[in-house]
């Protein structure tokens, strides 16, 4: 398409910029919108009770009729985990490669949305016209098969959106990233490159997935009992490597957990996971076999409390427990912010008698993301006029910008932005537009967006300092106490300490009420809060409930 200097492409980052996870980008040309990815993010340690976080896509909700399509780059949760929430409000067609489509179908079915979405299957190399957006797809290497990047052409210019990628020269599926397509884009002239920044602080090159095979062989050769491998449920390539090792070492393999079982089933049906029928067994059958003959594959490599590995570490798993002789392999890298949870899980598993193998001690995981030298190679291959680092925390985006400067991209053509900052492309020139909401939408059970940061802060304070609940029963005529105030504490002080402190609280409340006829719950709470801080130097949450009789 020819460019028109008066026509503008608006790039709207709704998730994934300034954080790791919940990736979502929208492209707006004229009155039409194309959405790329709809991911979730795992909660941080202080986000108590939250199941996961999704992008704030209120802008898309407000403009649902203008959305021509949603294209998914690959099937990991940080790119498809919010798809059911997005489709509930925006019933646009979804474009995805074969395996990605299958993983999306599984997710929609699990959320009661089977057959409610229009899923259009594409393959790497296809060109699809979605409204005014000409989208050219190209294969990229990642840790899940069938991943793609995008070349998006409008009258405003050509934008290349990499998705997650790495330059693995010897991938396990023998399908390297499409360098030729990247070079073709470069020859045409790329106005904006948006590229994955996850590993921008890692020097050198990301190792090939093939290094995992020998590491798995060593684990399988030396493990005296059961082998339990934990990874992401969407990491199909890792399932294949575990299945191959199981065959080589004469073990039977079972998948554990709903998401792992469902994803393995769809991957086998589609031919992305190949293993002999007699190697795959149910969890019930696996638990009856000799330990030396068993491999279990499950979720929980991030130390999530509700996952299989999380429950095994605390002895609360329903089907089976950890026992002496088990070898547990954590085949993933901790998501930023999850390091503490992962380390605690490892320690608990070791205390329960397991041998734990993880990335720091053996090559049982390699990243699916390009490291700094690969990122520089991409920049040199594509030679974009403008560059926007995506997919990463702010320090990773900034480091990616440094790499871009090193390969000769001018500082004024590099744009480090976070969620909500609109970028406008007109006639090959980029400028910053307005800000949109780009915050967190918390999902907890059936609740979506009903919990905000204020609630998170309250939960954190409750967890840190506990709560004091005071019940005051008053005479409705005189406002004097009918009986002694009741004081209940949780998470604040021990029973022994309460014996001395609670009477002081009761006296303080009695003096306030009976001395001045005070029935203002807030003033009573403030007075008790001051007393508790003077006595303990701690600030619990204080609630006063008064009733009149």
Protein backbone atom coordinates (compact mmCIF):
# COMPACT_ATOMS: atom_id res chain seq x y z
CA UNK A 1 0.00 0.00 0.00
CA UNK A 2 1.15 3.53 -0.66
CA UNK A 3 1.67 5.81 2.28
CA UNK A 4 -0.35 8.90 2.88
CA UNK A 5 1.19 11.43 5.21
CA UNK A 6 -2.26 12.41 6.46
CA UNK A 7 -3.19 8.89 7.58
CA UNK A 8 -2.28 7.78 11.08
CA UNK A 9 -1.85 4.38 12.70
CA UNK A 10 -2.39 4.48 16.46
CA UNK A 11 -0.57 1.82 18.52
CA UNK A 12 -2.26 1.20 21.87
CA UNK A 13 -0.27 -0.86 24.42
CA UNK A 14 -2.83 -2.29 26.86
CA UNK A 15 -0.57 -4.84 28.56
CA UNK A 16 2.97 -6.19 28.62
CA UNK A 17 4.89 -2.90 28.65
CA UNK A 18 6.39 -2.21 32.05
CA UNK A 19 5.67 -5.74 33.29
CA UNK A 20 6.15 -9.40 32.42
CA UNK A 21 2.81 -10.84 31.33
CA UNK A 22 -0.74 -9.85 30.31
CA UNK A 23 0.45 -8.96 26.82
CA UNK A 24 -2.10 -7.09 24.71
CA UNK A 25 -1.56 -4.60 21.91
CA UNK A 26 -4.19 -2.82 19.83
CA UNK A 27 -3.64 -1.20 16.43
CA UNK A 28 -6.14 1.46 15.34
CA UNK A 29 -6.38 2.85 11.82
CA UNK A 30 -9.26 5.16 11.00
CA UNK A 31 -12.23 3.78 12.87
CA UNK A 32 -11.06 0.13 12.80
CA UNK A 33 -9.09 -1.80 15.43
CA UNK A 34 -6.92 -4.94 15.36
CA UNK A 35 -6.02 -6.61 18.67
CA UNK A 36 -2.84 -8.68 19.10
CA UNK A 37 -2.84 -11.16 22.01
CA UNK A 38 -4.90 -11.26 25.19
CA UNK A 39 -2.74 -12.54 28.03
CA UNK A 40 -2.79 -12.79 31.80
CA UNK A 41 -0.19 -12.08 34.45
CA UNK A 42 0.46 -14.06 37.59
CA UNK A 43 -0.10 -12.13 40.85
CA UNK A 44 2.83 -10.77 42.80
CA UNK A 45 3.53 -12.01 46.32
CA UNK A 46 1.63 -9.14 47.97
CA UNK A 47 -1.51 -9.60 45.82
CA UNK A 48 -3.19 -11.85 48.35
CA UNK A 49 -6.13 -13.92 47.15
CA UNK A 50 -5.80 -12.91 43.49
CA UNK A 51 -5.91 -15.76 40.95
CA UNK A 52 -4.49 -13.77 38.04
CA UNK A 53 -4.46 -10.31 36.44
CA UNK A 54 -5.71 -9.27 33.02
CA UNK A 55 -5.26 -6.04 31.02
CA UNK A 56 -7.57 -3.09 31.41
CA UNK A 57 -9.24 -3.18 27.98
CA UNK A 58 -12.03 -0.72 28.73
CA UNK A 59 -11.07 1.21 25.58
CA UNK A 60 -11.79 -1.89 23.50
CA UNK A 61 -15.01 -2.51 25.41
CA UNK A 62 -16.13 1.03 24.65
CA UNK A 63 -15.29 0.51 20.96
CA UNK A 64 -16.26 -3.14 20.59
CA UNK A 65 -18.10 -2.60 17.28
CA UNK A 66 -14.89 -1.22 15.75
CA UNK A 67 -12.75 -4.31 16.50
CA UNK A 68 -12.31 -6.26 13.25
CA UNK A 69 -10.25 -9.11 14.65
CA UNK A 70 -8.00 -10.55 17.34
CA UNK A 71 -4.79 -12.31 16.31
CA UNK A 72 -2.87 -14.50 18.76
CA UNK A 73 0.89 -14.94 18.31
CA UNK A 74 1.22 -18.17 20.35
CA UNK A 75 -0.44 -20.30 23.00
CA UNK A 76 1.24 -19.28 26.27
CA UNK A 77 -0.91 -17.98 29.12
CA UNK A 78 0.66 -14.52 29.02
CA UNK A 79 -0.75 -14.24 25.48
CA UNK A 80 -4.05 -16.20 25.63
CA UNK A 81 -4.94 -16.23 29.33
CA UNK A 82 -7.47 -13.37 29.09
CA UNK A 83 -9.09 -14.45 25.83
CA UNK A 84 -12.33 -15.60 27.48
CA UNK A 85 -12.72 -12.24 29.23
CA UNK A 86 -12.03 -10.33 26.02
CA UNK A 87 -14.46 -12.39 23.93
CA UNK A 88 -17.20 -12.03 26.55
CA UNK A 89 -17.32 -8.31 25.71
CA UNK A 90 -15.87 -8.18 22.20
CA UNK A 91 -17.19 -10.95 19.92
CA UNK A 92 -14.61 -10.44 17.17
CA UNK A 93 -13.10 -13.29 15.10
CA UNK A 94 -9.90 -14.79 16.50
CA UNK A 95 -7.03 -15.69 14.13
CA UNK A 96 -4.52 -18.27 15.35
CA UNK A 97 -2.24 -21.02 14.07
CA UNK A 98 -3.35 -24.62 14.46
CA UNK A 99 -1.88 -25.45 17.87
CA UNK A 100 -2.63 -21.98 19.27
CA UNK A 101 -6.23 -22.33 18.11
CA UNK A 102 -6.45 -25.71 19.86
CA UNK A 103 -5.13 -24.26 23.13
CA UNK A 104 -7.59 -21.36 22.86
CA UNK A 105 -10.45 -23.82 22.26
CA UNK A 106 -9.47 -25.76 25.40
CA UNK A 107 -9.41 -22.56 27.45
CA UNK A 108 -12.78 -21.38 26.12
CA UNK A 109 -14.38 -24.79 26.73
CA UNK A 110 -13.06 -24.82 30.30
CA UNK A 111 -14.74 -21.44 30.85
CA UNK A 112 -18.11 -22.43 29.40
CA UNK A 113 -17.54 -20.63 26.09
CA UNK A 114 -17.19 -23.57 23.70
CA UNK A 115 -18.57 -22.79 20.24
CA UNK A 116 -19.22 -19.16 21.23
CA UNK A 117 -16.19 -17.75 19.41
CA UNK A 118 -15.35 -17.55 15.72
CA UNK A 119 -11.88 -19.11 15.49
CA UNK A 120 -10.10 -18.79 12.14
CA UNK A 121 -7.11 -21.05 11.60
CA UNK A 122 -4.05 -19.65 9.85
CA UNK A 123 -0.49 -20.85 9.42
CA UNK A 124 2.89 -19.16 9.44
CA UNK A 125 3.45 -17.52 6.07
CA UNK A 126 -0.21 -16.68 5.51
CA UNK A 127 -1.34 -13.15 4.69
CA UNK A 128 -4.77 -12.15 5.98
CA UNK A 129 -6.70 -8.94 5.44
CA UNK A 130 -8.43 -7.89 8.67
CA UNK A 131 -10.29 -4.68 7.97
CA UNK A 132 -7.70 -2.13 6.77
CA UNK A 133 -4.86 -4.22 8.26
CA UNK A 134 -2.85 -6.43 5.91
CA UNK A 135 -1.25 -8.93 8.29
CA UNK A 136 1.66 -11.07 7.08
CA UNK A 137 2.52 -13.85 9.51
CA UNK A 138 5.97 -15.40 9.86
CA UNK A 139 7.26 -18.27 11.96
CA UNK A 140 9.36 -17.56 15.04
CA UNK A 141 11.13 -19.97 17.36
CA UNK A 142 9.80 -20.02 20.90
CA UNK A 143 9.22 -22.63 23.61
CA UNK A 144 5.84 -23.59 22.17
CA UNK A 145 5.30 -24.75 18.58
CA UNK A 146 3.40 -22.72 15.99
CA UNK A 147 4.48 -19.28 17.27
CA UNK A 148 4.32 -16.38 14.83
CA UNK A 149 5.35 -12.77 14.43
CA UNK A 150 3.43 -10.22 12.39
CA UNK A 151 4.04 -7.69 9.66
CA UNK A 152 1.13 -5.23 9.75
CA UNK A 153 0.66 -2.92 6.78
CA UNK A 154 -1.75 0.02 6.58
CA UNK A 155 -1.63 3.22 4.49
CA UNK A 156 0.35 4.70 7.41
CA UNK A 157 3.24 2.26 6.94
CA UNK A 158 4.67 -1.16 7.84
CA UNK A 159 4.92 -2.29 11.46
CA UNK A 160 6.70 -5.51 12.51
CA UNK A 161 5.47 -7.08 15.79
CA UNK A 162 7.72 -9.98 16.80
CA UNK A 163 5.70 -11.61 19.55
CA UNK A 164 7.95 -13.80 21.72
CA UNK A 165 10.92 -15.15 19.75
CA UNK A 166 14.47 -16.42 19.80
CA UNK A 167 16.99 -17.33 17.12
CA UNK A 168 17.46 -21.04 17.85
CA UNK A 169 19.55 -22.50 15.02
CA UNK A 170 18.81 -26.10 16.07
CA UNK A 171 15.22 -26.10 17.38
CA UNK A 172 13.75 -29.41 18.46
CA UNK A 173 11.09 -29.17 15.74
CA UNK A 174 13.71 -28.23 13.10
CA UNK A 175 11.78 -25.05 12.22
CA UNK A 176 13.94 -21.96 12.81
CA UNK A 177 12.74 -18.37 12.84
CA UNK A 178 11.95 -17.06 9.34
CA UNK A 179 15.02 -14.88 8.71
CA UNK A 180 14.10 -14.49 5.03
CA UNK A 181 10.78 -12.81 5.84
CA UNK A 182 12.48 -10.42 8.25
CA UNK A 183 14.98 -9.50 5.52
CA UNK A 184 12.11 -8.99 3.08
CA UNK A 185 10.41 -6.60 5.49
CA UNK A 186 13.69 -4.72 5.82
CA UNK A 187 14.01 -4.36 2.04
CA UNK A 188 10.53 -2.85 1.90
CA UNK A 189 11.24 -0.44 4.76
CA UNK A 190 9.96 -1.01 8.28
CA UNK A 191 8.46 2.09 9.88
CA UNK A 192 8.18 0.64 13.40
CA UNK A 193 9.60 -2.50 15.01
CA UNK A 194 8.01 -3.72 18.24
CA UNK A 195 10.22 -6.46 19.71
CA UNK A 196 10.32 -8.74 22.75
CA UNK A 197 12.52 -7.35 25.55
CA UNK A 198 12.26 -10.15 28.13
CA UNK A 199 15.94 -11.15 28.03
CA UNK A 200 17.48 -7.80 27.09
CA UNK A 201 19.68 -7.91 30.20
CA UNK A 202 21.06 -11.37 29.40
CA UNK A 203 24.33 -11.18 27.48
CA UNK A 204 25.10 -13.45 24.53
CA UNK A 205 22.74 -15.91 22.91
CA UNK A 206 19.93 -18.00 24.38
CA UNK A 207 20.79 -21.69 24.37
CA UNK A 208 19.05 -24.07 22.02
CA UNK A 209 16.17 -26.17 23.33
CA UNK A 210 18.25 -29.22 22.37
CA UNK A 211 20.48 -28.84 25.46
CA UNK A 212 17.54 -30.00 27.58
CA UNK A 213 17.62 -33.51 26.09
CA UNK A 214 21.00 -34.50 27.65
CA UNK A 215 20.01 -32.85 30.95
CA UNK A 216 16.79 -34.86 31.07
CA UNK A 217 18.73 -38.02 30.20
CA UNK A 218 21.02 -37.47 33.18
CA UNK A 219 18.05 -36.99 35.51
CA UNK A 220 16.30 -40.09 34.17
CA UNK A 221 19.50 -42.15 34.39
CA UNK A 222 20.23 -41.30 38.03
CA UNK A 223 16.76 -40.91 39.59
CA UNK A 224 16.19 -43.75 42.08
CA UNK A 225 12.39 -43.39 42.16
CA UNK A 226 9.60 -41.35 40.60
CA UNK A 227 10.40 -38.34 38.42
CA UNK A 228 7.99 -35.42 38.75
CA UNK A 229 8.48 -32.67 36.14
CA UNK A 230 6.83 -29.29 36.70
CA UNK A 231 6.44 -26.72 33.95
CA UNK A 232 3.80 -24.51 32.35
CA UNK A 233 0.78 -26.36 30.99
CA UNK A 234 1.23 -24.68 27.61
CA UNK A 235 4.91 -25.64 27.24
CA UNK A 236 4.26 -28.35 24.64
CA UNK A 237 7.91 -28.57 23.58
CA UNK A 238 8.89 -29.51 27.14
CA UNK A 239 6.18 -32.19 27.21
CA UNK A 240 7.72 -33.67 24.06
CA UNK A 241 11.22 -33.69 25.53
CA UNK A 242 9.96 -35.38 28.71
CA UNK A 243 8.04 -37.97 26.67
CA UNK A 244 11.13 -38.69 24.53
CA UNK A 245 13.22 -39.22 27.69
CA UNK A 246 10.54 -41.48 29.17
CA UNK A 247 10.64 -43.68 26.05
CA UNK A 248 14.45 -43.82 26.05
CA UNK A 249 14.59 -44.87 29.70
CA UNK A 250 11.63 -47.25 29.77
CA UNK A 251 9.32 -45.20 31.98
CA UNK A 252 5.57 -44.66 31.77
CA UNK A 253 4.32 -41.06 31.77
CA UNK A 254 1.20 -39.45 33.22
CA UNK A 255 -0.01 -35.87 32.99
CA UNK A 256 -1.46 -34.44 36.21
CA UNK A 257 -3.86 -31.51 36.59
CA UNK A 258 -6.74 -30.38 34.38
CA UNK A 259 -4.85 -27.83 32.27
CA UNK A 260 -1.87 -30.15 31.73
CA UNK A 261 -4.11 -33.09 30.76
CA UNK A 262 -6.27 -30.99 28.42
CA UNK A 263 -3.33 -29.33 26.66
CA UNK A 264 -1.46 -32.61 26.25
CA UNK A 265 -4.58 -34.20 24.79
CA UNK A 266 -5.12 -31.48 22.18
CA UNK A 267 -1.39 -31.41 21.31
CA UNK A 268 -1.43 -35.19 20.72
CA UNK A 269 -4.57 -34.99 18.63
CA UNK A 270 -2.97 -32.33 16.42
CA UNK A 271 0.37 -34.11 16.12
CA UNK A 272 2.45 -31.60 18.08
CA UNK A 273 3.10 -34.11 20.87
CA UNK A 274 4.20 -37.55 19.68
CA UNK A 275 4.52 -40.44 22.10
CA UNK A 276 3.65 -44.16 21.93
CA UNK A 277 0.21 -45.04 23.27
CA UNK A 278 1.76 -47.56 25.65
CA UNK A 279 3.97 -44.85 27.22
CA UNK A 280 1.05 -42.65 28.30
CA UNK A 281 -0.89 -43.82 31.36
CA UNK A 282 -3.43 -42.29 33.72
CA UNK A 283 -2.36 -40.90 37.08
CA UNK A 284 -4.20 -43.76 38.82
CA UNK A 285 -2.25 -46.36 36.83
CA UNK A 286 1.05 -44.51 37.30
CA UNK A 287 0.64 -44.56 41.09
CA UNK A 288 0.29 -48.37 40.99
CA UNK A 289 3.52 -48.88 39.01
CA UNK A 290 7.01 -49.31 40.54
CA UNK A 291 8.45 -45.86 41.32
CA UNK A 292 11.44 -46.51 39.03
CA UNK A 293 9.03 -46.80 36.07
CA UNK A 294 7.10 -43.55 36.53
CA UNK A 295 7.25 -39.97 35.21
CA UNK A 296 4.59 -37.47 36.29
CA UNK A 297 4.26 -34.11 34.54
CA UNK A 298 2.36 -31.33 36.25
CA UNK A 299 2.07 -27.58 36.87
CA UNK A 300 3.59 -25.55 39.68
CA UNK A 301 7.07 -24.57 38.53
CA UNK A 302 6.39 -21.01 39.77
CA UNK A 303 5.58 -22.13 43.32
CA UNK A 304 1.87 -21.30 42.99
CA UNK A 305 0.19 -22.46 46.23
CA UNK A 306 -2.80 -24.03 44.44
CA UNK A 307 -0.73 -25.92 41.85
CA UNK A 308 0.25 -29.60 42.07
CA UNK A 309 3.84 -28.80 43.09
CA UNK A 310 2.67 -26.13 45.52
CA UNK A 311 0.34 -28.62 47.24
CA UNK A 312 2.99 -31.36 47.19
CA UNK A 313 5.40 -29.02 48.99
CA UNK A 314 2.88 -28.49 51.81
CA UNK A 315 1.55 -32.06 51.95
CA UNK A 316 -1.95 -31.08 50.84
CA UNK A 317 -2.13 -32.71 47.39
CA UNK A 318 -5.14 -34.98 47.00
CA UNK A 319 -3.95 -37.83 44.76
CA UNK A 320 -0.40 -38.44 45.94
CA UNK A 321 2.33 -37.08 48.19
CA UNK A 322 6.08 -36.55 48.00
CA UNK A 323 8.16 -39.42 49.31
CA UNK A 324 11.81 -40.33 49.78
CA UNK A 325 13.44 -41.13 46.45
CA UNK A 326 11.32 -38.74 44.37
CA UNK A 327 13.19 -36.48 41.94
CA UNK A 328 11.35 -33.24 41.19
CA UNK A 329 12.40 -31.20 38.15
CA UNK A 330 11.35 -27.55 37.93
CA UNK A 331 11.63 -26.95 34.19
CA UNK A 332 11.08 -23.20 33.96
CA UNK A 333 12.65 -19.90 34.95
CA UNK A 334 11.02 -17.98 37.83
CA UNK A 335 8.86 -15.14 36.57
CA UNK A 336 10.18 -11.82 37.97
CA UNK A 337 8.68 -11.40 41.43
CA UNK A 338 8.19 -15.16 41.90
CA UNK A 339 11.74 -15.97 42.97
CA UNK A 340 10.89 -16.03 46.68
CA UNK A 341 7.88 -18.31 46.18
CA UNK A 342 9.91 -20.70 44.02
CA UNK A 343 12.78 -20.85 46.53
CA UNK A 344 10.39 -21.53 49.40
CA UNK A 345 8.74 -24.31 47.40
CA UNK A 346 12.12 -25.89 46.64
CA UNK A 347 13.06 -25.80 50.33
CA UNK A 348 9.77 -27.38 51.40
CA UNK A 349 10.13 -30.18 48.83
CA UNK A 350 13.66 -30.93 50.02
CA UNK A 351 12.46 -31.10 53.64
CA UNK A 352 9.87 -33.66 52.56
CA UNK A 353 12.59 -35.92 51.18
CA UNK A 354 12.69 -35.07 47.47
CA UNK A 355 15.71 -34.40 45.30
CA UNK A 356 14.96 -31.12 43.49
CA UNK A 357 16.58 -30.26 40.14
CA UNK A 358 16.14 -26.73 38.78
CA UNK A 359 17.71 -24.31 36.31
CA UNK A 360 20.54 -23.20 38.61
CA UNK A 361 21.89 -26.75 39.05
CA UNK A 362 21.19 -28.40 35.68
CA UNK A 363 20.18 -27.40 32.15
CA UNK A 364 16.58 -28.56 32.63
CA UNK A 365 15.23 -25.30 31.23
CA UNK A 366 16.26 -22.81 28.61
CA UNK A 367 14.51 -19.56 27.86
CA UNK A 368 12.23 -19.17 24.87
CA UNK A 369 13.25 -15.51 24.53
CA UNK A 370 16.09 -13.86 22.61
CA UNK A 371 19.08 -12.65 24.59
CA UNK A 372 20.90 -9.40 23.86
CA UNK A 373 23.00 -10.57 20.87
CA UNK A 374 19.91 -12.00 19.18
CA UNK A 375 18.05 -8.77 19.82
CA UNK A 376 20.85 -6.81 18.17
CA UNK A 377 20.80 -9.23 15.23
CA UNK A 378 17.05 -8.66 14.83
CA UNK A 379 17.55 -4.89 14.87
CA UNK A 380 20.28 -5.17 12.23
CA UNK A 381 18.15 -7.52 10.12
CA UNK A 382 15.06 -5.33 10.15
CA UNK A 383 16.71 -1.87 10.31
CA UNK A 384 13.53 -0.11 11.43
CA UNK A 385 13.07 3.65 11.20
CA UNK A 386 11.55 3.61 14.69
CA UNK A 387 11.81 1.13 17.54
CA UNK A 388 9.49 0.35 20.46
CA UNK A 389 10.68 -2.29 22.97
CA UNK A 390 7.78 -4.41 24.28
CA UNK A 391 7.22 -7.38 26.62
CA UNK A 392 9.19 -6.55 29.73
CA UNK A 393 9.53 -4.56 32.90
CA UNK A 394 10.67 -0.96 32.55
CA UNK A 395 14.34 -1.75 33.20
CA UNK A 396 14.23 -4.44 30.48
CA UNK A 397 12.62 -2.03 28.01
CA UNK A 398 15.29 0.57 28.81
CA UNK A 399 18.08 -1.96 28.32
CA UNK A 400 16.60 -2.97 24.95
CA UNK A 401 16.68 0.71 23.99
CA UNK A 402 20.41 0.79 24.84
CA UNK A 403 20.98 -2.18 22.51
CA UNK A 404 19.11 -0.34 19.75
CA UNK A 405 21.37 2.69 20.17
CA UNK A 406 24.42 0.41 20.01
CA UNK A 407 23.42 -0.82 16.55
CA UNK A 408 22.88 2.70 15.25
CA UNK A 409 19.24 3.60 15.80
CA UNK A 410 18.99 7.27 16.71
CA UNK A 411 17.82 8.09 20.18
CA UNK A 412 14.94 10.23 18.88
CA UNK A 413 13.60 7.17 17.02
CA UNK A 414 13.44 4.94 20.11
CA UNK A 415 10.31 5.07 22.25
CA UNK A 416 10.29 3.45 25.68
CA UNK A 417 6.69 3.57 26.88
CA UNK A 418 4.50 1.76 29.38
CA UNK A 419 0.93 0.49 29.26
CA UNK A 420 -1.61 3.06 28.14
CA UNK A 421 0.76 5.39 26.29
CA UNK A 422 -0.62 5.76 22.76
CA UNK A 423 1.95 5.95 19.93
CA UNK A 424 1.00 7.47 16.57
CA UNK A 425 2.63 6.70 13.21
CA UNK A 426 2.07 9.20 10.39
CA UNK A 427 4.14 9.36 7.21
CA UNK A 428 6.97 7.34 8.77
CA UNK A 429 7.16 9.68 11.77
CA UNK A 430 6.29 8.58 15.30
CA UNK A 431 4.94 10.77 18.09
CA UNK A 432 3.37 10.11 21.47
CA UNK A 433 -0.38 10.52 21.81
CA UNK A 434 -2.71 10.54 24.81
CA UNK A 435 -2.70 8.18 27.78
CA UNK A 436 -5.27 5.41 28.19
CA UNK A 437 -5.90 3.37 31.36
CA UNK A 438 -3.29 0.63 31.52
CA UNK A 439 -3.61 -0.77 35.01
CA UNK A 440 -4.44 -4.11 36.60
CA UNK A 441 -7.77 -5.91 36.48
CA UNK A 442 -7.74 -8.48 39.27
CA UNK A 443 -9.51 -11.82 38.80
CA UNK A 444 -10.47 -13.72 41.93
CA UNK A 445 -12.87 -16.63 41.46
CA UNK A 446 -15.89 -15.27 39.61
CA UNK A 447 -14.97 -11.69 40.48
CA UNK A 448 -13.43 -9.71 37.60
CA UNK A 449 -12.38 -6.13 38.28
CA UNK A 450 -14.32 -5.82 41.53
CA UNK A 451 -11.12 -5.75 43.58
CA UNK A 452 -8.86 -2.71 43.25
CA UNK A 453 -5.49 -1.57 44.57
CA UNK A 454 -7.11 -0.14 47.73
CA UNK A 455 -8.40 -3.62 48.59
CA UNK A 456 -4.95 -5.05 47.87
CA UNK A 457 -3.40 -2.54 50.28
CA UNK A 458 -5.97 -3.43 52.94
CA UNK A 459 -5.19 -7.13 52.52
CA UNK A 460 -1.48 -6.44 52.76
CA UNK A 461 -2.01 -4.46 55.97
CA UNK A 462 -4.19 -7.23 57.40
CA UNK A 463 -1.53 -9.77 56.56
CA UNK A 464 1.26 -7.62 57.98
CA UNK A 465 -0.33 -6.28 61.18
CA UNK A 466 -3.59 -8.14 61.76
CA UNK A 467 -6.99 -6.84 62.78
CA UNK A 468 -8.71 -5.74 65.99
CA UNK A 469 -12.52 -5.85 66.12
CA UNK A 470 -14.32 -4.02 68.93
CA UNK A 471 -18.01 -4.47 69.61
CA UNK A 472 -19.72 -1.78 71.71
CA UNK A 473 -23.28 -2.22 73.06
CA UNK A 474 -24.90 1.08 74.11
CA UNK A 475 -28.03 2.21 75.87
CA UNK A 476 -30.06 3.96 73.17
CA UNK A 477 -31.14 6.76 75.57
CA UNK A 478 -27.96 7.56 77.47
CA UNK A 479 -25.29 6.29 75.02
CA UNK A 480 -23.61 4.59 77.98
CA UNK A 481 -22.25 1.06 77.85
CA UNK A 482 -24.68 -1.73 78.71
CA UNK A 483 -21.82 -4.18 79.06
CA UNK A 484 -18.05 -4.31 78.77
CA UNK A 485 -16.71 -3.81 75.22
CA UNK A 486 -15.84 -7.06 73.39
CA UNK A 487 -12.39 -7.12 71.77
CA UNK A 488 -11.40 -9.74 69.19
CA UNK A 489 -7.95 -9.88 67.55
CA UNK A 490 -6.66 -11.93 64.62
CA UNK A 491 -3.08 -11.92 63.36
CA UNK A 492 -2.06 -9.15 65.76
CA UNK A 493 -0.83 -10.51 69.08
CA UNK A 494 -0.45 -13.88 70.76
CA UNK A 495 -2.85 -15.11 73.44
CA UNK A 496 -0.30 -14.39 76.18
CA UNK A 497 0.18 -10.77 75.07
CA UNK A 498 -3.57 -10.31 74.64
CA UNK A 499 -4.13 -10.95 78.34
CA UNK A 500 -2.41 -7.66 79.14
CA UNK A 501 -3.39 -5.55 76.15
CA UNK A 502 -7.09 -6.33 75.70
CA UNK A 503 -8.08 -5.04 79.18
CA UNK A 504 -6.27 -1.77 78.37
CA UNK A 505 -8.27 -1.48 75.13
CA UNK A 506 -11.53 -2.23 76.98
CA UNK A 507 -10.74 0.44 79.58
CA UNK A 508 -9.88 2.99 76.90
CA UNK A 509 -13.15 2.38 75.07
CA UNK A 510 -15.17 2.43 78.32
CA UNK A 511 -13.62 5.72 79.40
CA UNK A 512 -14.33 7.29 76.00
CA UNK A 513 -17.96 6.16 75.89
CA UNK A 514 -19.00 6.54 79.50
CA UNK A 515 -16.89 9.60 80.13
CA UNK A 516 -18.24 11.67 77.25
CA UNK A 517 -21.18 9.77 75.82
CA UNK A 518 -19.06 9.14 72.71
CA UNK A 519 -20.69 6.88 70.12
CA UNK A 520 -18.66 7.87 67.03
CA UNK A 521 -17.12 4.63 65.74
CA UNK A 522 -14.34 6.38 63.80
CA UNK A 523 -13.18 8.43 66.82
CA UNK A 524 -13.16 5.32 69.00
CA UNK A 525 -11.16 3.42 66.36
CA UNK A 526 -8.65 6.29 66.07
CA UNK A 527 -8.15 6.39 69.84
CA UNK A 528 -7.63 2.61 70.03
CA UNK A 529 -5.26 2.72 67.09
CA UNK A 530 -3.12 5.31 68.92
CA UNK A 531 -3.15 3.23 72.10
CA UNK A 532 -2.07 0.09 70.25
CA UNK A 533 0.73 1.88 68.44
CA UNK A 534 2.03 3.41 71.70
CA UNK A 535 2.02 -0.01 73.34
CA UNK A 536 3.27 -2.19 70.46
CA UNK A 537 4.65 0.13 67.75
CA UNK A 538 2.39 -1.74 65.31
CA UNK A 539 -0.59 -0.56 63.28
CA UNK A 540 -3.30 -3.22 63.02
CA UNK A 541 -6.56 -2.44 61.25
CA UNK A 542 -9.12 -1.45 63.90
CA UNK A 543 -12.86 -1.79 63.36
CA UNK A 544 -15.55 -0.66 65.80
CA UNK A 545 -19.13 -1.90 65.59
CA UNK A 546 -21.71 -0.27 67.88
CA UNK A 547 -25.27 -1.36 68.55
CA UNK A 548 -27.92 0.43 70.60
CA UNK A 549 -30.51 -1.34 72.70
